[in-house]
Protein backbone atom coordinates (compact mmCIF):
# COMPACT_ATOMS: atom_id res chain seq x y z
CA UNK A 1 -0.03 55.42 -67.04
CA UNK A 2 -0.25 53.16 -70.07
CA UNK A 3 3.43 52.61 -70.81
CA UNK A 4 4.10 49.58 -68.60
CA UNK A 5 5.58 46.31 -69.76
CA UNK A 6 3.09 43.90 -71.32
CA UNK A 7 2.57 41.60 -68.36
CA UNK A 8 -0.94 40.28 -67.90
CA UNK A 9 -2.71 40.22 -64.56
CA UNK A 10 -3.39 36.73 -63.26
CA UNK A 11 -6.83 35.14 -62.97
CA UNK A 12 -7.00 32.32 -60.41
CA UNK A 13 -9.92 29.91 -60.39
CA UNK A 14 -13.07 31.76 -59.42
CA UNK A 15 -15.24 30.49 -56.55
CA UNK A 16 -18.98 29.86 -56.98
CA UNK A 17 -20.94 33.03 -57.66
CA UNK A 18 -18.05 34.85 -59.36
CA UNK A 19 -17.33 34.71 -63.09
CA UNK A 20 -13.72 35.93 -62.95
CA UNK A 21 -11.26 37.03 -60.26
CA UNK A 22 -8.44 39.26 -61.53
CA UNK A 23 -5.26 39.83 -59.52
CA UNK A 24 -3.30 42.81 -60.88
CA UNK A 25 0.44 42.66 -61.30
CA UNK A 26 2.39 45.45 -59.60
CA UNK A 27 4.87 47.52 -61.59
CA UNK A 28 7.31 50.07 -60.25
CA UNK A 29 7.64 53.21 -62.36
CA UNK A 30 10.41 55.23 -60.76
CA UNK A 31 9.51 54.47 -57.16
CA UNK A 32 5.76 54.71 -57.70
CA UNK A 33 3.70 51.52 -57.85
CA UNK A 34 0.99 50.89 -60.43
CA UNK A 35 -1.30 47.84 -60.49
CA UNK A 36 -3.08 46.95 -63.73
CA UNK A 37 -6.31 44.92 -63.58
CA UNK A 38 -7.55 45.37 -67.16
CA UNK A 39 -6.95 44.10 -69.73
CA UNK A 40 -6.33 40.55 -68.48
CA UNK A 41 -5.91 37.50 -70.68
CA UNK A 42 -9.05 35.81 -69.35
CA UNK A 43 -11.13 38.96 -69.16
CA UNK A 44 -10.24 41.94 -71.30
CA UNK A 45 -13.26 44.22 -70.75
CA UNK A 46 -16.02 44.77 -68.23
CA UNK A 47 -18.74 46.53 -70.19
CA UNK A 48 -16.87 49.27 -72.08
CA UNK A 49 -14.05 49.47 -69.50
CA UNK A 50 -10.97 48.25 -71.34
CA UNK A 51 -8.15 49.49 -69.10
CA UNK A 52 -7.93 49.86 -65.31
CA UNK A 53 -4.85 50.99 -63.36
CA UNK A 54 -4.49 51.56 -59.64
CA UNK A 55 -1.94 54.33 -59.02
CA UNK A 56 -0.32 54.04 -55.58
CA UNK A 57 -0.90 54.57 -52.77
CA UNK A 58 2.53 56.13 -52.67
CA UNK A 59 4.42 59.26 -51.81
CA UNK A 60 6.52 61.62 -53.87
CA UNK A 61 9.44 63.16 -51.98
CA UNK A 62 10.08 66.90 -51.89
CA UNK A 63 10.92 68.12 -55.37
CA UNK A 64 9.42 65.06 -57.04
CA UNK A 65 6.05 64.47 -58.67
CA UNK A 66 4.14 62.85 -61.48
CA UNK A 67 5.52 63.67 -64.93
CA UNK A 68 3.63 61.87 -67.69
CA UNK A 69 4.80 63.68 -70.82
CA UNK A 70 2.40 64.49 -73.69
CA UNK A 71 1.13 61.34 -75.39
CA UNK A 72 -1.76 60.54 -77.77
CA UNK A 73 -5.02 58.58 -77.55
CA UNK A 74 -7.67 57.49 -80.05
CA UNK A 75 -10.91 55.52 -79.84
CA UNK A 76 -11.56 55.84 -76.09
CA UNK A 77 -12.37 58.06 -73.15
CA UNK A 78 -9.89 58.35 -70.29
CA UNK A 79 -11.28 58.56 -66.75
CA UNK A 80 -9.16 59.87 -63.88
CA UNK A 81 -10.40 59.57 -60.28
CA UNK A 82 -8.29 60.26 -57.19
CA UNK A 83 -8.53 59.24 -53.54
CA UNK A 84 -5.45 61.27 -52.52
CA UNK A 85 -3.21 63.81 -54.21
CA UNK A 86 -3.58 66.09 -57.20
CA UNK A 87 -2.79 65.84 -60.93
CA UNK A 88 -2.65 68.71 -63.40
CA UNK A 89 -4.16 67.79 -66.76
CA UNK A 90 -3.35 69.57 -70.01
CA UNK A 91 -4.50 68.52 -73.48
CA UNK A 92 -4.34 69.55 -77.12
CA UNK A 93 -7.78 71.20 -76.90
CA UNK A 94 -6.25 73.75 -74.56
CA UNK A 95 -7.72 72.27 -71.37
CA UNK A 96 -5.71 73.01 -68.22
CA UNK A 97 -7.38 71.46 -65.19
CA UNK A 98 -6.23 70.20 -61.79
CA UNK A 99 -8.01 67.11 -60.55
CA UNK A 100 -8.43 66.48 -56.83
CA UNK A 101 -9.97 63.65 -54.76
CA UNK A 102 -13.63 62.95 -55.51
CA UNK A 103 -13.59 64.89 -58.81
CA UNK A 104 -13.88 63.53 -62.34
CA UNK A 105 -11.76 64.18 -65.42
CA UNK A 106 -13.38 62.62 -68.51
CA UNK A 107 -11.41 63.07 -71.72
CA UNK A 108 -12.85 61.70 -74.97
CA UNK A 109 -10.09 61.03 -77.46
CA UNK A 110 -12.25 60.06 -80.44
CA UNK A 111 -10.31 60.72 -83.62
CA UNK A 112 -7.28 61.84 -81.63
CA UNK A 113 -6.11 63.91 -78.66
CA UNK A 114 -2.83 64.50 -76.84
CA UNK A 115 -2.52 65.13 -73.10
CA UNK A 116 -0.04 65.29 -70.24
CA UNK A 117 -0.43 64.55 -66.53
CA UNK A 118 1.92 66.21 -64.09
CA UNK A 119 2.29 67.40 -60.52
CA UNK A 120 2.11 71.19 -60.52
CA UNK A 121 5.43 72.86 -59.68
CA UNK A 122 3.82 74.72 -56.77
CA UNK A 123 3.01 71.39 -55.08
CA UNK A 124 6.54 69.97 -55.14
CA UNK A 125 7.80 71.94 -52.13
CA UNK A 126 6.98 69.08 -49.74
CA UNK A 127 6.22 65.35 -49.85
CA UNK A 128 2.91 64.51 -51.56
CA UNK A 129 0.82 61.35 -51.51
CA UNK A 130 -0.87 59.96 -54.61
CA UNK A 131 -3.60 57.35 -54.80
CA UNK A 132 -6.18 56.89 -57.51
CA UNK A 133 -7.55 55.00 -60.48
CA UNK A 134 -7.08 55.61 -64.17
CA UNK A 135 -9.37 53.76 -66.54
CA UNK A 136 -10.26 53.80 -70.22
CA UNK A 137 -13.72 53.40 -71.69
CA UNK A 138 -13.80 52.08 -75.27
CA UNK A 139 -16.01 54.03 -77.66
CA UNK A 140 -18.69 52.31 -79.79
CA UNK A 141 -17.72 51.82 -83.44
CA UNK A 142 -19.94 54.68 -84.59
CA UNK A 143 -18.17 57.11 -82.25
CA UNK A 144 -14.54 56.03 -82.52
CA UNK A 145 -13.75 59.00 -84.77
CA UNK A 146 -15.87 61.58 -82.96
CA UNK A 147 -14.36 64.98 -82.23
CA UNK A 148 -12.20 65.01 -79.09
CA UNK A 149 -13.67 66.58 -75.94
CA UNK A 150 -12.88 67.18 -72.30
CA UNK A 151 -15.18 67.43 -69.28
CA UNK A 152 -14.45 68.07 -65.62
CA UNK A 153 -16.94 67.68 -62.78
CA UNK A 154 -16.23 68.66 -59.20
CA UNK A 155 -17.09 66.37 -56.31
CA UNK A 156 -20.13 68.47 -55.45
CA UNK A 157 -21.61 67.82 -58.91
CA UNK A 158 -21.46 64.02 -58.65
CA UNK A 159 -24.47 62.21 -57.10
CA UNK A 160 -23.76 61.16 -53.52
CA UNK A 161 -25.83 59.06 -51.11
CA UNK A 162 -25.28 57.65 -47.63
CA UNK A 163 -27.51 54.92 -46.22
CA UNK A 164 -27.22 51.83 -44.00
CA UNK A 165 -23.44 52.10 -43.64
CA UNK A 166 -22.79 52.70 -47.36
CA UNK A 167 -21.60 56.02 -48.77
CA UNK A 168 -21.57 56.05 -52.55
CA UNK A 169 -20.52 58.61 -55.15
CA UNK A 170 -21.63 57.88 -58.71
CA UNK A 171 -18.73 59.02 -60.86
CA UNK A 172 -20.25 58.28 -64.27
CA UNK A 173 -23.28 56.63 -65.86
CA UNK A 174 -26.43 55.44 -64.14
CA UNK A 175 -27.10 52.94 -61.30
CA UNK A 176 -28.85 52.58 -57.94
CA UNK A 177 -31.41 55.18 -59.04
CA UNK A 178 -28.69 57.82 -59.58
CA UNK A 179 -27.45 59.48 -62.75
CA UNK A 180 -24.10 61.27 -63.10
CA UNK A 181 -23.77 64.44 -65.20
CA UNK A 182 -20.96 63.42 -67.56
CA UNK A 183 -22.11 62.41 -71.05
CA UNK A 184 -21.13 58.85 -71.97
CA UNK A 185 -21.15 57.13 -75.35
CA UNK A 186 -22.72 53.87 -74.12
CA UNK A 187 -24.65 52.60 -71.08
CA UNK A 188 -22.30 52.19 -68.11
CA UNK A 189 -21.79 52.81 -64.41
CA UNK A 190 -18.75 53.81 -62.37
CA UNK A 191 -18.97 54.42 -58.63
CA UNK A 192 -16.83 54.94 -55.54
CA UNK A 193 -18.39 53.14 -52.55
CA UNK A 194 -17.22 53.11 -48.92
CA UNK A 195 -18.77 50.39 -46.74
CA UNK A 196 -18.77 50.35 -42.96
CA UNK A 197 -18.02 46.98 -41.31
CA UNK A 198 -20.80 44.54 -42.19
CA UNK A 199 -22.54 46.93 -44.60
CA UNK A 200 -23.91 45.48 -47.85
CA UNK A 201 -24.05 46.90 -51.37
CA UNK A 202 -26.16 45.14 -54.03
CA UNK A 203 -25.00 44.95 -57.63
CA UNK A 204 -27.01 47.18 -59.97
CA UNK A 205 -29.48 44.99 -61.84
CA UNK A 206 -29.88 47.00 -65.05
CA UNK A 207 -26.35 46.47 -66.41
CA UNK A 208 -25.33 43.32 -68.24
CA UNK A 209 -21.65 43.32 -67.25
CA UNK A 210 -20.69 44.26 -63.71
CA UNK A 211 -17.44 44.33 -61.78
CA UNK A 212 -16.03 45.50 -58.47
CA UNK A 213 -12.46 46.42 -57.60
CA UNK A 214 -11.56 46.14 -53.91
CA UNK A 215 -9.52 49.26 -53.20
CA UNK A 216 -9.22 48.87 -49.42
CA UNK A 217 -10.39 46.40 -46.79
CA UNK A 218 -12.17 43.20 -47.78
CA UNK A 219 -15.60 42.02 -48.91
CA UNK A 220 -17.53 38.78 -48.81
CA UNK A 221 -19.49 37.72 -51.91
CA UNK A 222 -21.44 34.46 -52.10
CA UNK A 223 -19.53 33.11 -49.10
CA UNK A 224 -16.01 33.93 -50.35
CA UNK A 225 -13.75 36.67 -48.96
CA UNK A 226 -11.79 38.97 -51.27
CA UNK A 227 -9.01 41.25 -50.04
CA UNK A 228 -7.86 44.57 -51.47
CA UNK A 229 -6.28 44.45 -54.91
CA UNK A 230 -8.82 42.07 -56.47
CA UNK A 231 -11.18 42.79 -59.33
CA UNK A 232 -14.32 40.67 -59.29
CA UNK A 233 -16.43 40.15 -62.40
CA UNK A 234 -19.96 38.83 -61.97
CA UNK A 235 -22.28 36.80 -64.16
CA UNK A 236 -25.05 38.66 -65.93
CA UNK A 237 -28.33 38.64 -64.03
CA UNK A 238 -27.00 37.25 -60.74
CA UNK A 239 -28.60 39.08 -57.80
CA UNK A 240 -25.63 39.47 -55.46
CA UNK A 241 -24.47 41.86 -52.77
CA UNK A 242 -20.99 42.66 -51.47
CA UNK A 243 -20.62 42.69 -47.67
CA UNK A 244 -17.76 44.56 -46.02
CA UNK A 245 -15.42 42.77 -43.65
CA UNK A 246 -14.69 43.73 -40.03
CA UNK A 247 -12.52 46.68 -41.08
CA UNK A 248 -14.92 47.94 -43.74
CA UNK A 249 -14.14 48.29 -47.45
CA UNK A 250 -13.74 50.73 -50.29
CA UNK A 251 -14.82 49.63 -53.76
CA UNK A 252 -14.75 50.94 -57.32
CA UNK A 253 -17.85 49.55 -59.03
CA UNK A 254 -17.91 49.43 -62.83
CA UNK A 255 -19.60 47.90 -65.86
CA UNK A 256 -22.16 48.44 -68.57
CA UNK A 257 -23.33 47.08 -71.89
CA UNK A 258 -21.28 44.50 -73.81
CA UNK A 259 -19.16 46.24 -76.46
CA UNK A 260 -20.10 45.98 -80.12
CA UNK A 261 -17.24 43.71 -81.15
CA UNK A 262 -13.56 43.14 -80.35
CA UNK A 263 -11.03 45.93 -79.96
CA UNK A 264 -7.41 46.12 -81.01
CA UNK A 265 -4.98 47.82 -78.66
CA UNK A 266 -1.53 49.29 -79.14
CA UNK A 267 0.10 51.53 -76.55
CA UNK A 268 -2.45 54.33 -75.89
CA UNK A 269 -4.61 53.55 -78.91
CA UNK A 270 -7.86 51.55 -79.05
CA UNK A 271 -9.76 50.80 -82.26
CA UNK A 272 -12.08 48.28 -83.88
CA UNK A 273 -9.70 47.84 -86.82
CA UNK A 274 -6.00 47.15 -87.13
CA UNK A 275 -5.77 49.67 -89.96
CA UNK A 276 -6.94 52.54 -87.73
CA UNK A 277 -4.24 51.72 -85.18
CA UNK A 278 -1.56 51.63 -87.86
CA UNK A 279 -2.68 55.05 -89.05
CA UNK A 280 -2.50 56.42 -85.51
CA UNK A 281 1.01 55.01 -85.10
CA UNK A 282 2.12 56.65 -88.33
CA UNK A 283 0.50 59.96 -87.40
CA UNK A 284 2.22 60.13 -84.01
CA UNK A 285 5.60 59.14 -85.44
CA UNK A 286 5.25 61.84 -88.12
CA UNK A 287 4.19 64.54 -85.67
CA UNK A 288 0.71 64.97 -87.13
CA UNK A 289 -1.12 65.04 -83.78
CA UNK A 290 -1.80 68.44 -82.23
CA UNK A 291 0.49 69.71 -79.48
CA UNK A 292 -0.45 70.46 -75.87
CA UNK A 293 -0.47 74.22 -75.19
CA UNK A 294 1.79 74.96 -72.24
CA UNK A 295 3.54 71.58 -72.51
CA UNK A 296 5.02 71.57 -76.01
CA UNK A 297 8.67 70.86 -75.19
CA UNK A 298 8.40 67.13 -74.43
CA UNK A 299 6.57 64.05 -75.68
CA UNK A 300 6.63 60.28 -75.31
CA UNK A 301 8.07 58.63 -78.44
CA UNK A 302 6.19 55.85 -80.20
CA UNK A 303 7.31 52.57 -78.56
CA UNK A 304 8.18 49.45 -80.49
CA UNK A 305 5.57 46.72 -80.46
CA UNK A 306 2.89 44.93 -82.40
CA UNK A 307 -0.81 45.61 -82.66
CA UNK A 308 -2.72 42.87 -80.86
CA UNK A 309 -6.31 41.99 -80.12
CA UNK A 310 -6.24 42.86 -76.44
CA UNK A 311 -9.94 43.17 -75.77
CA UNK A 312 -12.64 40.88 -77.02
CA UNK A 313 -16.26 40.81 -76.06
CA UNK A 314 -17.31 38.10 -73.61
CA UNK A 315 -17.96 34.75 -75.30
CA UNK A 316 -21.56 33.69 -75.66
């Protein structure tokens, strides 16, 4: 989902109590809508999260489906999490894994990996809905060239709690006294929270950078109301809670430690040096990345474009 036009999300003036409000821009990719919240010009990362796309909600007609051809990544981990639908993941390690709502696909690219994301042929016999989030987590400098890896965790393996009108599944990292099983390269948290009308969810105190994406409904924070399709970024150390509106709310909570320096981005590549990105570009153009078993016939060509600094650490 990383091949959209380079159009930044907008960041209107933030009300008191909020550091940044990000409004994603919607893009249509063949009748399916994608909204990108990160990176934004005013706020490129939240902790190690450097890329955040909302896929849908939308519906594929009979015979149609998702067809993201094999493409490469370096220097990051991809995180796929669905609310509706199913995606079949294949990668150059030989992984072949469907992902369904509430499950986690965590693919660490490191020095380089290739993967594809498609709707299985057996699921195209009737209309299918799709709704989910794809995000990238930048790797620390010392792990940018680690060996690639893939992990899948079913919904039953992810910590889940329900209390005082809040149901919360911790997808990755550690927060609210919970710890998810997937191994991460830096301190972070990523959680799916559903709030009943009027229910409150406090921000986790132990993480320096914290954000919340309003997936559905609306929340009130520090006296201001935020509708669905807004990413809120909070100041470090502020003790705040998000309160669901009269129709309730669904949130993706995310954040972690400040990254260890700026990151360059180009297409599907993330690195701490321009030279590493140029090498990745040359390697993909020359066919030096490994192929995806079971999906060798197609690939996404290297697009034209310049390497840019698309993700800097927060000032001061």
